[in-house]
Amino acid sequence: MQHIAFDAIGTAWTVDIYTPVSAQTAAKIEAAVHARIAEYDANYSRFRDDSLVAAMAHTAGTYRLPEDAQPLLDIYHELYMLTDGAMTPLIGQTLSDAGYDAQYSLQSKRLTAPPSWDAALDYVYPQLRIKQPVLLDVGAAGKGYLVDIVTELLAQHGVTSCCVDAGGDIMYRDAAARPMRVGLEHPDNDGQVIGVATIVNQSICGSAGNRRAWGEYHHIINPHLLASPRHIQALWVIADSALVADALTTALFFVPAKMLNTDYTFEYAIVHSDYSLERSAGFPGEFFTSDTKER
């Protein structure tokens, strides 16, 4: 096995390659992974002054999107509609004003609601017309999507068995379809697990209010209430792609799973604020009953 570990886009990454490859090939793969992440960051980061997103925040106009943009923008538009605008890429300035800014100051200002999609954007791939300068944030789905991109990059180098983990957003592929057990982090103690899930050639992504939290906010803010949801302690989603799994971990803070089931295939588990446990019938995991109680 080849093990690659590094930090990128503000989180820790591990790439485990189970397909037999030489050290030289692993080094080439690692260089390609770093280059691809750098390209992605240059387009979508709201924390850089030189990114495409930064340009959109300063100047209205029509922009030609990168070749990889369509799946990301499509799922944002779908979930924007399904959540009545609660999950929106237009939340960037609100997050920044709350303190989740480029300096990670954690010092909040007065928050203002983001504009609506129709007021700010006209999206027909491959073009995005910015009707008014607006700071986009694709963090609710972007990290998972980048995990998918890196996994596909490995496949292009002949890697058929691997695990890509970006801060807990995981894609696991195995040519022999062997299962992998994944610990589910306890929302009150990042050194403990509250349960274990088993995945096979799938992605699992999680979200919790204790991560990237400060003052009265965490990394998810409801644009209608200008407040961070507090009714969920932690949740996990399993899907065939990390893009879908990551995106739905945010959408489920805003709408019940039944509102998403007709459009997406996924399994989920939610630990609510009272530690009651809600999960789909097919969620392939077990929870420690001393910490949770089934709804």
Protein backbone atom coordinates (compact mmCIF):
# COMPACT_ATOMS: atom_id res chain seq x y z
CA MET A 1 0.00 0.00 0.00
CA GLN A 2 1.12 3.55 -0.76
CA HIS A 3 0.10 6.17 1.80
CA ILE A 4 0.05 9.86 0.90
CA ALA A 5 -0.76 12.52 3.51
CA PHE A 6 -0.85 16.29 3.11
CA ASP A 7 -2.85 19.42 3.92
CA ALA A 8 -4.85 21.25 1.25
CA ILE A 9 -7.90 23.55 1.02
CA GLY A 10 -7.84 23.98 4.78
CA THR A 11 -8.06 20.33 5.78
CA ALA A 12 -5.99 17.18 6.18
CA TRP A 13 -5.93 14.66 3.32
CA THR A 14 -4.91 11.03 3.17
CA VAL A 15 -4.78 9.03 -0.03
CA ASP A 16 -4.27 5.30 0.44
CA ILE A 17 -3.51 3.36 -2.74
CA TYR A 18 -4.19 -0.36 -2.46
CA THR A 19 -3.52 -1.20 -6.10
CA PRO A 20 0.14 -2.27 -6.34
CA VAL A 21 2.18 0.61 -7.77
CA SER A 22 5.86 1.44 -7.60
CA ALA A 23 7.21 4.24 -5.43
CA GLN A 24 8.03 6.14 -8.62
CA THR A 25 4.46 5.85 -9.87
CA ALA A 26 3.13 6.85 -6.46
CA ALA A 27 5.30 9.97 -6.59
CA LYS A 28 3.89 10.86 -10.03
CA ILE A 29 0.37 10.32 -8.74
CA GLU A 30 1.02 12.53 -5.72
CA ALA A 31 2.35 15.32 -7.94
CA ALA A 32 -0.71 15.05 -10.19
CA VAL A 33 -3.04 15.15 -7.17
CA HIS A 34 -1.38 18.31 -5.82
CA ALA A 35 -1.57 19.98 -9.24
CA ARG A 36 -5.26 19.11 -9.65
CA ILE A 37 -6.17 20.38 -6.18
CA ALA A 38 -4.27 23.61 -6.85
CA GLU A 39 -6.22 24.09 -10.09
CA TYR A 40 -9.51 23.49 -8.29
CA ASP A 41 -8.59 25.88 -5.48
CA ALA A 42 -7.62 28.60 -7.97
CA ASN A 43 -11.12 28.45 -9.40
CA TYR A 44 -13.42 27.94 -6.42
CA SER A 45 -11.74 29.26 -3.27
CA ARG A 46 -13.39 32.27 -1.64
CA PHE A 47 -10.32 32.65 0.58
CA ARG A 48 -8.00 33.71 -2.27
CA ASP A 49 -7.80 37.14 -3.90
CA ASP A 50 -6.80 35.64 -7.25
CA SER A 51 -9.49 32.97 -7.67
CA LEU A 52 -12.30 32.92 -10.20
CA VAL A 53 -14.75 33.24 -7.29
CA ALA A 54 -12.90 36.36 -6.11
CA ALA A 55 -13.24 37.90 -9.57
CA MET A 56 -17.00 37.27 -9.48
CA ALA A 57 -17.17 38.97 -6.09
CA HIS A 58 -15.67 42.14 -7.53
CA THR A 59 -17.05 42.40 -11.04
CA ALA A 60 -20.44 41.54 -12.51
CA GLY A 61 -20.50 40.01 -15.96
CA THR A 62 -20.57 36.75 -17.85
CA TYR A 63 -17.93 34.17 -16.94
CA ARG A 64 -17.04 30.98 -18.78
CA LEU A 65 -16.98 28.22 -16.19
CA PRO A 66 -14.23 25.60 -15.81
CA GLU A 67 -14.83 22.24 -17.48
CA ASP A 68 -15.49 20.58 -14.11
CA ALA A 69 -18.10 23.11 -12.96
CA GLN A 70 -21.34 21.61 -14.26
CA PRO A 71 -21.89 18.81 -11.68
CA LEU A 72 -21.14 21.25 -8.85
CA LEU A 73 -23.39 24.07 -10.07
CA ASP A 74 -26.14 21.65 -11.10
CA ILE A 75 -26.43 20.07 -7.65
CA TYR A 76 -26.37 23.48 -6.00
CA HIS A 77 -29.23 24.65 -8.17
CA GLU A 78 -31.20 21.44 -7.52
CA LEU A 79 -30.74 21.68 -3.76
CA TYR A 80 -31.41 25.41 -3.73
CA MET A 81 -34.82 24.63 -5.18
CA LEU A 82 -35.47 21.61 -2.92
CA THR A 83 -34.55 23.54 0.26
CA ASP A 84 -36.44 26.73 -0.67
CA GLY A 85 -33.17 28.60 -1.00
CA ALA A 86 -31.69 27.51 2.33
CA MET A 87 -28.76 25.72 0.70
CA THR A 88 -27.24 28.36 -1.51
CA PRO A 89 -23.83 29.12 -3.02
CA LEU A 90 -24.62 32.79 -2.43
CA ILE A 91 -23.93 32.44 1.31
CA GLY A 92 -20.26 33.43 1.01
CA GLN A 93 -20.51 37.03 2.25
CA THR A 94 -22.80 36.00 5.10
CA LEU A 95 -20.28 33.38 6.24
CA SER A 96 -17.45 35.89 5.93
CA ASP A 97 -19.33 38.53 7.95
CA ALA A 98 -20.06 35.92 10.62
CA GLY A 99 -16.29 35.47 11.05
CA TYR A 100 -15.60 32.57 8.70
CA ASP A 101 -13.51 34.82 6.49
CA ALA A 102 -10.20 34.56 4.65
CA GLN A 103 -8.30 35.34 7.85
CA TYR A 104 -10.50 32.95 9.85
CA SER A 105 -10.96 35.84 12.28
CA LEU A 106 -14.05 34.36 14.00
CA GLN A 107 -15.14 37.95 14.65
CA SER A 108 -18.72 38.50 13.56
CA LYS A 109 -20.23 41.63 12.04
CA ARG A 110 -23.83 42.45 11.30
CA LEU A 111 -25.14 39.77 8.96
CA THR A 112 -27.23 40.42 5.88
CA ALA A 113 -29.18 37.85 3.93
CA PRO A 114 -27.71 36.77 0.59
CA PRO A 115 -29.55 37.63 -2.62
CA SER A 116 -31.78 35.09 -4.27
CA TRP A 117 -30.44 32.90 -7.07
CA ASP A 118 -32.52 34.65 -9.74
CA ALA A 119 -31.51 38.10 -8.51
CA ALA A 120 -27.79 37.31 -8.63
CA LEU A 121 -27.19 34.50 -11.11
CA ASP A 122 -28.09 33.39 -14.59
CA TYR A 123 -26.65 29.90 -15.01
CA VAL A 124 -26.59 28.02 -18.29
CA TYR A 125 -23.50 25.86 -18.48
CA PRO A 126 -20.81 26.64 -19.56
CA GLN A 127 -21.61 30.25 -18.70
CA LEU A 128 -22.50 31.94 -15.44
CA ARG A 129 -23.74 35.49 -15.58
CA ILE A 130 -23.16 37.40 -12.37
CA LYS A 131 -25.87 40.05 -12.25
CA GLN A 132 -24.36 41.75 -9.22
CA PRO A 133 -20.99 41.18 -7.57
CA VAL A 134 -21.46 38.32 -5.12
CA LEU A 135 -19.14 36.14 -3.05
CA LEU A 136 -19.89 32.53 -3.85
CA ASP A 137 -19.18 29.70 -1.43
CA VAL A 138 -19.28 26.10 -2.67
CA GLY A 139 -17.96 24.56 0.53
CA ALA A 140 -21.15 22.64 1.27
CA ALA A 141 -20.49 20.34 -1.70
CA GLY A 142 -17.12 21.37 -3.08
CA LYS A 143 -14.85 19.30 -0.84
CA GLY A 144 -16.77 16.14 -1.60
CA TYR A 145 -16.67 16.93 -5.30
CA LEU A 146 -12.91 17.38 -5.12
CA VAL A 147 -12.63 13.97 -3.44
CA ASP A 148 -14.46 12.51 -6.45
CA ILE A 149 -12.13 14.35 -8.82
CA VAL A 150 -9.03 13.03 -7.04
CA THR A 151 -10.47 9.51 -7.02
CA GLU A 152 -11.04 9.69 -10.78
CA LEU A 153 -7.52 11.02 -11.24
CA LEU A 154 -6.20 7.94 -9.46
CA ALA A 155 -8.29 5.74 -11.77
CA GLN A 156 -6.71 7.45 -14.76
CA HIS A 157 -3.35 6.30 -13.38
CA GLY A 158 -4.57 2.71 -13.15
CA VAL A 159 -5.54 2.75 -9.47
CA THR A 160 -8.68 0.62 -9.00
CA SER A 161 -8.51 0.24 -5.22
CA CYS A 162 -8.02 3.27 -2.99
CA CYS A 163 -9.39 5.41 -0.19
CA VAL A 164 -9.40 9.20 -0.47
CA ASP A 165 -10.16 11.04 2.77
CA ALA A 166 -10.37 14.84 2.92
CA GLY A 167 -11.18 15.86 6.48
CA GLY A 168 -13.72 13.05 6.87
CA ASP A 169 -15.21 13.20 3.38
CA ILE A 170 -14.32 9.73 2.16
CA MET A 171 -14.49 7.88 -1.13
CA TYR A 172 -13.56 4.20 -1.00
CA ARG A 173 -13.09 2.02 -4.04
CA ASP A 174 -12.02 -1.61 -4.05
CA ALA A 175 -11.72 -3.80 -7.15
CA ALA A 176 -12.64 -6.88 -5.08
CA ALA A 177 -15.60 -5.09 -3.42
CA ARG A 178 -14.26 -5.69 0.07
CA PRO A 179 -16.11 -3.70 2.75
CA MET A 180 -14.46 -0.98 4.84
CA ARG A 181 -15.55 0.04 8.34
CA VAL A 182 -15.55 3.75 9.12
CA GLY A 183 -15.73 5.22 12.61
CA LEU A 184 -18.37 7.90 13.15
CA GLU A 185 -16.93 10.72 15.23
CA HIS A 186 -18.65 11.51 18.50
CA PRO A 187 -20.04 15.06 18.28
CA ASP A 188 -18.87 15.84 21.83
CA ASN A 189 -15.41 14.28 21.60
CA ASP A 190 -13.37 14.10 18.41
CA GLY A 191 -11.21 11.43 20.03
CA GLN A 192 -14.11 8.98 20.30
CA VAL A 193 -16.54 7.33 17.93
CA ILE A 194 -20.29 7.15 18.44
CA GLY A 195 -20.77 4.35 15.94
CA VAL A 196 -19.36 2.51 12.94
CA ALA A 197 -20.57 2.35 9.33
CA THR A 198 -19.58 -0.10 6.62
CA ILE A 199 -19.20 1.00 3.00
CA VAL A 200 -18.33 -0.81 -0.23
CA ASN A 201 -17.34 1.24 -3.29
CA GLN A 202 -19.15 4.25 -1.86
CA SER A 203 -18.63 7.60 -0.24
CA ILE A 204 -19.43 8.59 3.31
CA CYS A 205 -19.42 12.22 4.41
CA GLY A 206 -20.32 13.74 7.74
CA SER A 207 -21.13 17.12 9.21
CA ALA A 208 -21.40 18.38 12.77
CA GLY A 209 -21.98 21.69 14.49
CA ASN A 210 -18.88 21.24 16.65
CA ARG A 211 -16.61 21.53 13.62
CA ARG A 212 -15.59 25.03 12.50
CA ALA A 213 -17.68 26.50 15.30
CA TRP A 214 -17.26 29.84 17.05
CA GLY A 215 -19.51 32.00 19.21
CA GLU A 216 -23.10 31.54 18.10
CA TYR A 217 -22.18 30.25 14.64
CA HIS A 218 -20.77 27.22 12.89
CA HIS A 219 -19.92 26.55 9.26
CA ILE A 220 -23.60 26.24 8.23
CA ILE A 221 -25.81 29.32 8.37
CA ASN A 222 -29.47 29.40 7.44
CA PRO A 223 -29.79 32.37 5.05
CA HIS A 224 -33.42 32.95 6.02
CA LEU A 225 -32.77 33.08 9.78
CA LEU A 226 -29.13 34.29 9.67
CA ALA A 227 -28.38 31.70 12.35
CA SER A 228 -26.65 28.34 12.50
CA PRO A 229 -28.95 25.32 12.90
CA ARG A 230 -28.76 23.78 16.39
CA HIS A 231 -31.28 20.94 16.14
CA ILE A 232 -28.67 18.47 14.81
CA GLN A 233 -25.53 17.34 16.62
CA ALA A 234 -24.06 15.33 13.74
CA LEU A 235 -25.10 13.52 10.60
CA TRP A 236 -23.64 11.20 7.97
CA VAL A 237 -24.64 10.43 4.40
CA ILE A 238 -23.59 7.48 2.26
CA ALA A 239 -23.94 7.75 -1.52
CA ASP A 240 -22.24 6.58 -4.68
CA SER A 241 -20.41 9.89 -5.04
CA ALA A 242 -18.80 12.17 -2.51
CA LEU A 243 -20.37 15.14 -4.28
CA VAL A 244 -23.85 13.89 -3.44
CA ALA A 245 -22.91 12.67 0.04
CA ASP A 246 -21.25 15.96 0.97
CA ALA A 247 -24.02 18.13 -0.46
CA LEU A 248 -26.75 16.20 1.33
CA THR A 249 -24.99 16.50 4.70
CA THR A 250 -25.74 20.22 4.44
CA ALA A 251 -29.19 19.93 2.86
CA LEU A 252 -30.35 17.68 5.72
CA PHE A 253 -29.77 20.54 8.16
CA PHE A 254 -32.57 22.37 6.34
CA VAL A 255 -35.10 19.79 5.15
CA PRO A 256 -36.18 16.26 6.15
CA ALA A 257 -34.76 13.33 4.22
CA LYS A 258 -38.12 12.55 2.61
CA MET A 259 -37.84 15.78 0.62
CA LEU A 260 -34.61 14.54 -0.97
CA ASN A 261 -35.35 10.85 -1.47
CA THR A 262 -37.11 11.24 -4.78
CA ASP A 263 -34.15 13.05 -6.34
CA TYR A 264 -31.17 11.27 -4.77
CA THR A 265 -30.24 7.74 -3.74
CA PHE A 266 -28.55 7.77 -0.32
CA GLU A 267 -28.53 6.41 3.21
CA TYR A 268 -28.26 8.65 6.23
CA ALA A 269 -28.01 8.83 10.00
CA ILE A 270 -28.74 11.90 12.12
CA VAL A 271 -27.96 12.47 15.79
CA HIS A 272 -30.33 15.21 16.93
CA SER A 273 -29.65 17.74 19.67
CA ASP A 274 -31.29 15.50 22.29
CA TYR A 275 -29.15 12.56 21.09
CA SER A 276 -32.12 10.83 19.53
CA LEU A 277 -31.05 8.86 16.48
CA GLU A 278 -32.80 9.02 13.12
CA ARG A 279 -31.54 6.85 10.28
CA SER A 280 -32.67 5.41 7.01
CA ALA A 281 -33.72 1.77 6.96
CA GLY A 282 -30.69 0.81 4.89
CA PHE A 283 -28.00 2.74 6.74
CA PRO A 284 -25.17 0.19 7.06
CA GLY A 285 -23.99 1.05 10.54
CA GLU A 286 -24.33 0.55 14.26
CA PHE A 287 -24.43 3.09 17.06
CA PHE A 288 -23.50 2.77 20.70
CA THR A 289 -26.82 2.71 22.52
CA SER A 290 -25.40 4.36 25.64
CA ASP A 291 -24.89 7.55 23.63
CA THR A 292 -27.96 7.56 21.40
CA LYS A 293 -31.57 6.48 21.49
CA GLU A 294 -33.58 5.49 18.45
CA ARG A 295 -36.44 7.74 17.42
